[in-house]
Amino acid sequence: TILRDDGSARGLASDRYDYVIGDRQRQD
């Protein structure tokens, strides 16, 4: 997946971050 600007990179990072935080909240 090509990320040509900062917005697309932030969107991808937010998607992965939300998944990790959601899994941690389920465990807690």
PDB file of all heavy atoms in Angstrom:
ATOM      1  N   THR A   1       0.862  -1.190   0.000  1.00  0.00           N
ATOM      2  CA  THR A   1       0.000   0.000   0.000  1.00  0.00           C
ATOM      3  C   THR A   1       0.895   1.236   0.000  1.00  0.00           C
ATOM      4  O   THR A   1       1.760   1.377   0.864  1.00  0.00           O
ATOM      5  CB  THR A   1      -0.919   0.025   1.225  1.00  0.00           C
ATOM      6  OG1 THR A   1      -1.716  -1.168   1.245  1.00  0.00           O
ATOM      7  CG2 THR A   1      -1.836   1.238   1.187  1.00  0.00           C
ATOM      8  N   ILE A   2       0.697   2.127  -0.974  1.00  0.00           N
ATOM      9  CA  ILE A   2       1.513   3.335  -1.091  1.00  0.00           C
ATOM     10  C   ILE A   2       0.942   4.415  -0.175  1.00  0.00           C
ATOM     11  O   ILE A   2      -0.250   4.699  -0.198  1.00  0.00           O
ATOM     12  CB  ILE A   2       1.559   3.830  -2.543  1.00  0.00           C
ATOM     13  CG1 ILE A   2       2.138   2.741  -3.459  1.00  0.00           C
ATOM     14  CG2 ILE A   2       2.381   5.105  -2.662  1.00  0.00           C
ATOM     15  CD1 ILE A   2       2.131   3.110  -4.926  1.00  0.00           C
ATOM     16  N   LEU A   3       1.814   5.021   0.623  1.00  0.00           N
ATOM     17  CA  LEU A   3       1.445   6.127   1.507  1.00  0.00           C
ATOM     18  C   LEU A   3       2.203   7.356   1.030  1.00  0.00           C
ATOM     19  O   LEU A   3       3.394   7.518   1.299  1.00  0.00           O
ATOM     20  CB  LEU A   3       1.805   5.793   2.968  1.00  0.00           C
ATOM     21  CG  LEU A   3       1.262   4.450   3.504  1.00  0.00           C
ATOM     22  CD1 LEU A   3       1.762   4.212   4.911  1.00  0.00           C
ATOM     23  CD2 LEU A   3      -0.249   4.421   3.449  1.00  0.00           C
ATOM     24  N   ARG A   4       1.519   8.214   0.296  1.00  0.00           N
ATOM     25  CA  ARG A   4       2.187   9.365  -0.317  1.00  0.00           C
ATOM     26  C   ARG A   4       2.222  10.589   0.582  1.00  0.00           C
ATOM     27  O   ARG A   4       2.989  11.516   0.328  1.00  0.00           O
ATOM     28  CB  ARG A   4       1.506   9.733  -1.635  1.00  0.00           C
ATOM     29  CG  ARG A   4       1.588   8.615  -2.679  1.00  0.00           C
ATOM     30  CD  ARG A   4       1.093   9.078  -4.030  1.00  0.00           C
ATOM     31  NE  ARG A   4       1.160   8.029  -5.031  1.00  0.00           N
ATOM     32  CZ  ARG A   4       2.241   7.754  -5.753  1.00  0.00           C
ATOM     33  NH1 ARG A   4       3.329   8.478  -5.578  1.00  0.00           N
ATOM     34  NH2 ARG A   4       2.234   6.779  -6.645  1.00  0.00           N
ATOM     35  N   ASP A   5       1.394  10.657   1.613  1.00  0.00           N
ATOM     36  CA  ASP A   5       1.382  11.835   2.472  1.00  0.00           C
ATOM     37  C   ASP A   5       1.224  11.405   3.916  1.00  0.00           C
ATOM     38  O   ASP A   5       1.040  10.230   4.245  1.00  0.00           O
ATOM     39  CB  ASP A   5       0.256  12.803   2.073  1.00  0.00           C
ATOM     40  CG  ASP A   5      -1.099  12.103   1.963  1.00  0.00           C
ATOM     41  OD1 ASP A   5      -1.305  11.074   2.644  1.00  0.00           O
ATOM     42  OD2 ASP A   5      -1.943  12.576   1.194  1.00  0.00           O
ATOM     43  N   ASP A   6       1.297  12.397   4.797  1.00  0.00           N
ATOM     44  CA  ASP A   6       1.229  12.115   6.227  1.00  0.00           C
ATOM     45  C   ASP A   6      -0.165  11.663   6.642  1.00  0.00           C
ATOM     46  O   ASP A   6      -0.315  10.872   7.568  1.00  0.00           O
ATOM     47  CB  ASP A   6       1.641  13.372   7.008  1.00  0.00           C
ATOM     48  CG  ASP A   6       1.683  13.134   8.502  1.00  0.00           C
ATOM     49  OD1 ASP A   6       2.483  12.291   8.945  1.00  0.00           O
ATOM     50  OD2 ASP A   6       0.901  13.779   9.229  1.00  0.00           O
ATOM     51  N   GLY A   7      -1.193  12.140   5.956  1.00  0.00           N
ATOM     52  CA  GLY A   7      -2.557  11.757   6.326  1.00  0.00           C
ATOM     53  C   GLY A   7      -2.814  10.273   6.161  1.00  0.00           C
ATOM     54  O   GLY A   7      -3.400   9.628   7.032  1.00  0.00           O
ATOM     55  N   SER A   8      -2.365   9.697   5.030  1.00  0.00           N
ATOM     56  CA  SER A   8      -2.579   8.266   4.826  1.00  0.00           C
ATOM     57  C   SER A   8      -1.767   7.435   5.804  1.00  0.00           C
ATOM     58  O   SER A   8      -2.227   6.394   6.281  1.00  0.00           O
ATOM     59  CB  SER A   8      -2.208   7.895   3.388  1.00  0.00           C
ATOM     60  OG  SER A   8      -0.875   8.276   3.099  1.00  0.00           O
ATOM     61  N   ALA A   9      -0.544   7.891   6.159  1.00  0.00           N
ATOM     62  CA  ALA A   9       0.259   7.158   7.147  1.00  0.00           C
ATOM     63  C   ALA A   9      -0.395   7.207   8.517  1.00  0.00           C
ATOM     64  O   ALA A   9      -0.431   6.198   9.243  1.00  0.00           O
ATOM     65  CB  ALA A   9       1.670   7.742   7.202  1.00  0.00           C
ATOM     66  N   ARG A  10      -0.942   8.374   8.904  1.00  0.00           N
ATOM     67  CA  ARG A  10      -1.617   8.471  10.207  1.00  0.00           C
ATOM     68  C   ARG A  10      -2.869   7.606  10.239  1.00  0.00           C
ATOM     69  O   ARG A  10      -3.173   6.984  11.260  1.00  0.00           O
ATOM     70  CB  ARG A  10      -1.993   9.928  10.484  1.00  0.00           C
ATOM     71  CG  ARG A  10      -0.828  10.788  10.902  1.00  0.00           C
ATOM     72  CD  ARG A  10      -1.328  12.034  11.629  1.00  0.00           C
ATOM     73  NE  ARG A  10      -2.308  12.759  10.843  1.00  0.00           N
ATOM     74  CZ  ARG A  10      -2.013  13.769  10.036  1.00  0.00           C
ATOM     75  NH1 ARG A  10      -0.758  14.164   9.905  1.00  0.00           N
ATOM     76  NH2 ARG A  10      -2.957  14.391   9.346  1.00  0.00           N
ATOM     77  N   GLY A  11      -3.615   7.554   9.134  1.00  0.00           N
ATOM     78  CA  GLY A  11      -4.809   6.716   9.111  1.00  0.00           C
ATOM     79  C   GLY A  11      -4.477   5.244   9.290  1.00  0.00           C
ATOM     80  O   GLY A  11      -5.163   4.522  10.019  1.00  0.00           O
ATOM     81  N   LEU A  12      -3.398   4.781   8.643  1.00  0.00           N
ATOM     82  CA  LEU A  12      -3.003   3.384   8.793  1.00  0.00           C
ATOM     83  C   LEU A  12      -2.541   3.096  10.210  1.00  0.00           C
ATOM     84  O   LEU A  12      -2.905   2.075  10.805  1.00  0.00           O
ATOM     85  CB  LEU A  12      -1.891   3.068   7.796  1.00  0.00           C
ATOM     86  CG  LEU A  12      -1.365   1.631   7.809  1.00  0.00           C
ATOM     87  CD1 LEU A  12      -2.454   0.667   7.374  1.00  0.00           C
ATOM     88  CD2 LEU A  12      -0.160   1.510   6.883  1.00  0.00           C
ATOM     89  N   ALA A  13      -1.735   4.003  10.784  1.00  0.00           N
ATOM     90  CA  ALA A  13      -1.263   3.792  12.148  1.00  0.00           C
ATOM     91  C   ALA A  13      -2.418   3.814  13.138  1.00  0.00           C
ATOM     92  O   ALA A  13      -2.447   3.030  14.098  1.00  0.00           O
ATOM     93  CB  ALA A  13      -0.225   4.860  12.509  1.00  0.00           C
ATOM     94  N   SER A  14      -3.396   4.687  12.938  1.00  0.00           N
ATOM     95  CA  SER A  14      -4.549   4.749  13.847  1.00  0.00           C
ATOM     96  C   SER A  14      -5.360   3.467  13.792  1.00  0.00           C
ATOM     97  O   SER A  14      -5.845   2.981  14.818  1.00  0.00           O
ATOM     98  CB  SER A  14      -5.434   5.944  13.475  1.00  0.00           C
ATOM     99  OG  SER A  14      -4.722   7.150  13.605  1.00  0.00           O
ATOM    100  N   ASP A  15      -5.492   2.889  12.602  1.00  0.00           N
ATOM    101  CA  ASP A  15      -6.239   1.642  12.474  1.00  0.00           C
ATOM    102  C   ASP A  15      -5.568   0.520  13.273  1.00  0.00           C
ATOM    103  O   ASP A  15      -6.219  -0.220  14.012  1.00  0.00           O
ATOM    104  CB  ASP A  15      -6.335   1.260  10.999  1.00  0.00           C
ATOM    105  CG  ASP A  15      -7.090  -0.046  10.792  1.00  0.00           C
ATOM    106  OD1 ASP A  15      -8.263  -0.113  11.196  1.00  0.00           O
ATOM    107  OD2 ASP A  15      -6.505  -0.982  10.239  1.00  0.00           O
ATOM    108  N   ARG A  16      -4.241   0.378  13.146  1.00  0.00           N
ATOM    109  CA  ARG A  16      -3.527  -0.653  13.900  1.00  0.00           C
ATOM    110  C   ARG A  16      -3.532  -0.348  15.396  1.00  0.00           C
ATOM    111  O   ARG A  16      -3.678  -1.253  16.219  1.00  0.00           O
ATOM    112  CB  ARG A  16      -2.084  -0.758  13.407  1.00  0.00           C
ATOM    113  CG  ARG A  16      -1.845  -1.743  12.263  1.00  0.00           C
ATOM    114  CD  ARG A  16      -2.775  -1.565  11.135  1.00  0.00           C
ATOM    115  NE  ARG A  16      -2.540  -2.498  10.034  1.00  0.00           N
ATOM    116  CZ  ARG A  16      -3.270  -2.534   8.956  1.00  0.00           C
ATOM    117  NH1 ARG A  16      -4.296  -1.701   8.806  1.00  0.00           N
ATOM    118  NH2 ARG A  16      -3.030  -3.411   7.998  1.00  0.00           N
ATOM    119  N   TYR A  17      -3.401   0.902  15.752  1.00  0.00           N
ATOM    120  CA  TYR A  17      -3.381   1.277  17.167  1.00  0.00           C
ATOM    121  C   TYR A  17      -4.737   0.997  17.824  1.00  0.00           C
ATOM    122  O   TYR A  17      -4.807   0.485  18.948  1.00  0.00           O
ATOM    123  CB  TYR A  17      -3.022   2.753  17.288  1.00  0.00           C
ATOM    124  CG  TYR A  17      -2.988   3.274  18.706  1.00  0.00           C
ATOM    125  CD1 TYR A  17      -1.895   3.036  19.523  1.00  0.00           C
ATOM    126  CD2 TYR A  17      -4.052   4.003  19.228  1.00  0.00           C
ATOM    127  CE1 TYR A  17      -1.863   3.519  20.819  1.00  0.00           C
ATOM    128  CE2 TYR A  17      -4.039   4.476  20.520  1.00  0.00           C
ATOM    129  CZ  TYR A  17      -2.929   4.234  21.315  1.00  0.00           C
ATOM    130  OH  TYR A  17      -2.905   4.699  22.599  1.00  0.00           O
ATOM    131  N   ASP A  18      -5.808   1.311  17.124  1.00  0.00           N
ATOM    132  CA  ASP A  18      -7.142   1.056  17.685  1.00  0.00           C
ATOM    133  C   ASP A  18      -7.373  -0.434  17.898  1.00  0.00           C
ATOM    134  O   ASP A  18      -8.009  -0.833  18.879  1.00  0.00           O
ATOM    135  CB  ASP A  18      -8.219   1.619  16.750  1.00  0.00           C
ATOM    136  CG  ASP A  18      -8.188   3.138  16.693  1.00  0.00           C
ATOM    137  OD1 ASP A  18      -7.609   3.739  17.617  1.00  0.00           O
ATOM    138  OD2 ASP A  18      -8.727   3.709  15.733  1.00  0.00           O
ATOM    139  N   TYR A  19      -6.854  -1.246  16.981  1.00  0.00           N
ATOM    140  CA  TYR A  19      -7.028  -2.695  17.165  1.00  0.00           C
ATOM    141  C   TYR A  19      -6.296  -3.180  18.421  1.00  0.00           C
ATOM    142  O   TYR A  19      -6.831  -3.951  19.214  1.00  0.00           O
ATOM    143  CB  TYR A  19      -6.505  -3.445  15.941  1.00  0.00           C
ATOM    144  CG  TYR A  19      -6.356  -4.932  16.181  1.00  0.00           C
ATOM    145  CD1 TYR A  19      -7.476  -5.761  16.267  1.00  0.00           C
ATOM    146  CD2 TYR A  19      -5.090  -5.501  16.350  1.00  0.00           C
ATOM    147  CE1 TYR A  19      -7.331  -7.125  16.507  1.00  0.00           C
ATOM    148  CE2 TYR A  19      -4.948  -6.854  16.590  1.00  0.00           C
ATOM    149  CZ  TYR A  19      -6.075  -7.660  16.665  1.00  0.00           C
ATOM    150  OH  TYR A  19      -5.928  -8.994  16.915  1.00  0.00           O
ATOM    151  N   VAL A  20      -5.041  -2.716  18.620  1.00  0.00           N
ATOM    152  CA  VAL A  20      -4.275  -3.146  19.793  1.00  0.00           C
ATOM    153  C   VAL A  20      -4.924  -2.646  21.075  1.00  0.00           C
ATOM    154  O   VAL A  20      -5.064  -3.384  22.059  1.00  0.00           O
ATOM    155  CB  VAL A  20      -2.820  -2.649  19.678  1.00  0.00           C
ATOM    156  CG1 VAL A  20      -2.044  -2.961  20.952  1.00  0.00           C
ATOM    157  CG2 VAL A  20      -2.136  -3.305  18.482  1.00  0.00           C
ATOM    158  N   ILE A  21      -5.362  -1.383  21.101  1.00  0.00           N
ATOM    159  CA  ILE A  21      -5.997  -0.839  22.300  1.00  0.00           C
ATOM    160  C   ILE A  21      -7.304  -1.564  22.590  1.00  0.00           C
ATOM    161  O   ILE A  21      -7.628  -1.876  23.748  1.00  0.00           O
ATOM    162  CB  ILE A  21      -6.224   0.668  22.129  1.00  0.00           C
ATOM    163  CG1 ILE A  21      -4.865   1.390  22.068  1.00  0.00           C
ATOM    164  CG2 ILE A  21      -7.055   1.218  23.271  1.00  0.00           C
ATOM    165  CD1 ILE A  21      -4.009   1.204  23.301  1.00  0.00           C
ATOM    166  N   GLY A  22      -8.078  -1.880  21.557  1.00  0.00           N
ATOM    167  CA  GLY A  22      -9.327  -2.606  21.780  1.00  0.00           C
ATOM    168  C   GLY A  22      -9.093  -3.988  22.344  1.00  0.00           C
ATOM    169  O   GLY A  22      -9.809  -4.443  23.251  1.00  0.00           O
ATOM    170  N   ASP A  23      -8.056  -4.679  21.850  1.00  0.00           N
ATOM    171  CA  ASP A  23      -7.746  -6.001  22.396  1.00  0.00           C
ATOM    172  C   ASP A  23      -7.293  -5.894  23.846  1.00  0.00           C
ATOM    173  O   ASP A  23      -7.648  -6.736  24.688  1.00  0.00           O
ATOM    174  CB  ASP A  23      -6.661  -6.646  21.535  1.00  0.00           C
ATOM    175  CG  ASP A  23      -6.337  -8.059  21.983  1.00  0.00           C
ATOM    176  OD1 ASP A  23      -7.220  -8.921  21.878  1.00  0.00           O
ATOM    177  OD2 ASP A  23      -5.203  -8.288  22.457  1.00  0.00           O
ATOM    178  N   ARG A  24      -6.516  -4.860  24.159  1.00  0.00           N
ATOM    179  CA  ARG A  24      -6.066  -4.685  25.553  1.00  0.00           C
ATOM    180  C   ARG A  24      -7.242  -4.385  26.477  1.00  0.00           C
ATOM    181  O   ARG A  24      -7.315  -4.884  27.608  1.00  0.00           O
ATOM    182  CB  ARG A  24      -5.045  -3.544  25.607  1.00  0.00           C
ATOM    183  CG  ARG A  24      -4.540  -3.217  27.015  1.00  0.00           C
ATOM    184  CD  ARG A  24      -3.819  -4.406  27.635  1.00  0.00           C
ATOM    185  NE  ARG A  24      -3.379  -4.097  28.978  1.00  0.00           N
ATOM    186  CZ  ARG A  24      -2.203  -3.523  29.252  1.00  0.00           C
ATOM    187  NH1 ARG A  24      -1.374  -3.206  28.253  1.00  0.00           N
ATOM    188  NH2 ARG A  24      -1.842  -3.275  30.479  1.00  0.00           N
ATOM    189  N   GLN A  25      -8.182  -3.585  26.010  1.00  0.00           N
ATOM    190  CA  GLN A  25      -9.350  -3.271  26.833  1.00  0.00           C
ATOM    191  C   GLN A  25     -10.201  -4.514  27.087  1.00  0.00           C
ATOM    192  O   GLN A  25     -10.748  -4.687  28.178  1.00  0.00           O
ATOM    193  CB  GLN A  25     -10.172  -2.181  26.156  1.00  0.00           C
ATOM    194  CG  GLN A  25      -9.483  -0.816  26.145  1.00  0.00           C
ATOM    195  CD  GLN A  25     -10.266   0.209  25.369  1.00  0.00           C
ATOM    196  OE1 GLN A  25     -11.266  -0.110  24.714  1.00  0.00           O
ATOM    197  NE2 GLN A  25      -9.828   1.466  25.440  1.00  0.00           N
ATOM    198  N   ARG A  26     -10.307  -5.383  26.093  1.00  0.00           N
ATOM    199  CA  ARG A  26     -11.058  -6.619  26.305  1.00  0.00           C
ATOM    200  C   ARG A  26     -10.386  -7.500  27.350  1.00  0.00           C
ATOM    201  O   ARG A  26     -11.042  -8.142  28.172  1.00  0.00           O
ATOM    202  CB  ARG A  26     -11.212  -7.364  24.980  1.00  0.00           C
ATOM    203  CG  ARG A  26     -12.185  -6.725  24.016  1.00  0.00           C
ATOM    204  CD  ARG A  26     -12.489  -7.652  22.856  1.00  0.00           C
ATOM    205  NE  ARG A  26     -11.299  -7.909  22.048  1.00  0.00           N
ATOM    206  CZ  ARG A  26     -10.969  -7.187  20.991  1.00  0.00           C
ATOM    207  NH1 ARG A  26     -11.724  -6.172  20.622  1.00  0.00           N
ATOM    208  NH2 ARG A  26      -9.885  -7.475  20.299  1.00  0.00           N
ATOM    209  N   GLN A  27      -9.064  -7.524  27.324  1.00  0.00           N
ATOM    210  CA  GLN A  27      -8.355  -8.314  28.321  1.00  0.00           C
ATOM    211  C   GLN A  27      -8.482  -7.714  29.714  1.00  0.00           C
ATOM    212  O   GLN A  27      -8.643  -8.429  30.700  1.00  0.00           O
ATOM    213  CB  GLN A  27      -6.877  -8.435  27.927  1.00  0.00           C
ATOM    214  CG  GLN A  27      -6.642  -9.236  26.654  1.00  0.00           C
ATOM    215  CD  GLN A  27      -5.179  -9.274  26.280  1.00  0.00           C
ATOM    216  OE1 GLN A  27      -4.333  -8.726  26.987  1.00  0.00           O
ATOM    217  NE2 GLN A  27      -4.886  -9.918  25.159  1.00  0.00           N
ATOM    218  N   ASP A  28      -8.405  -6.377  29.810  1.00  0.00           N
ATOM    219  CA  ASP A  28      -8.515  -5.733  31.118  1.00  0.00           C
ATOM    220  C   ASP A  28      -9.893  -5.912  31.719  1.00  0.00           C
ATOM    221  O   ASP A  28     -10.049  -6.031  32.943  1.00  0.00           O
ATOM    222  CB  ASP A  28      -8.185  -4.242  30.999  1.00  0.00           C
ATOM    223  CG  ASP A  28      -6.717  -4.017  30.655  1.00  0.00           C
ATOM    224  OD1 ASP A  28      -5.923  -4.975  30.836  1.00  0.00           O
ATOM    225  OD2 ASP A  28      -6.372  -2.924  30.185  1.00  0.00           O
TER     226      ASP A  28
END
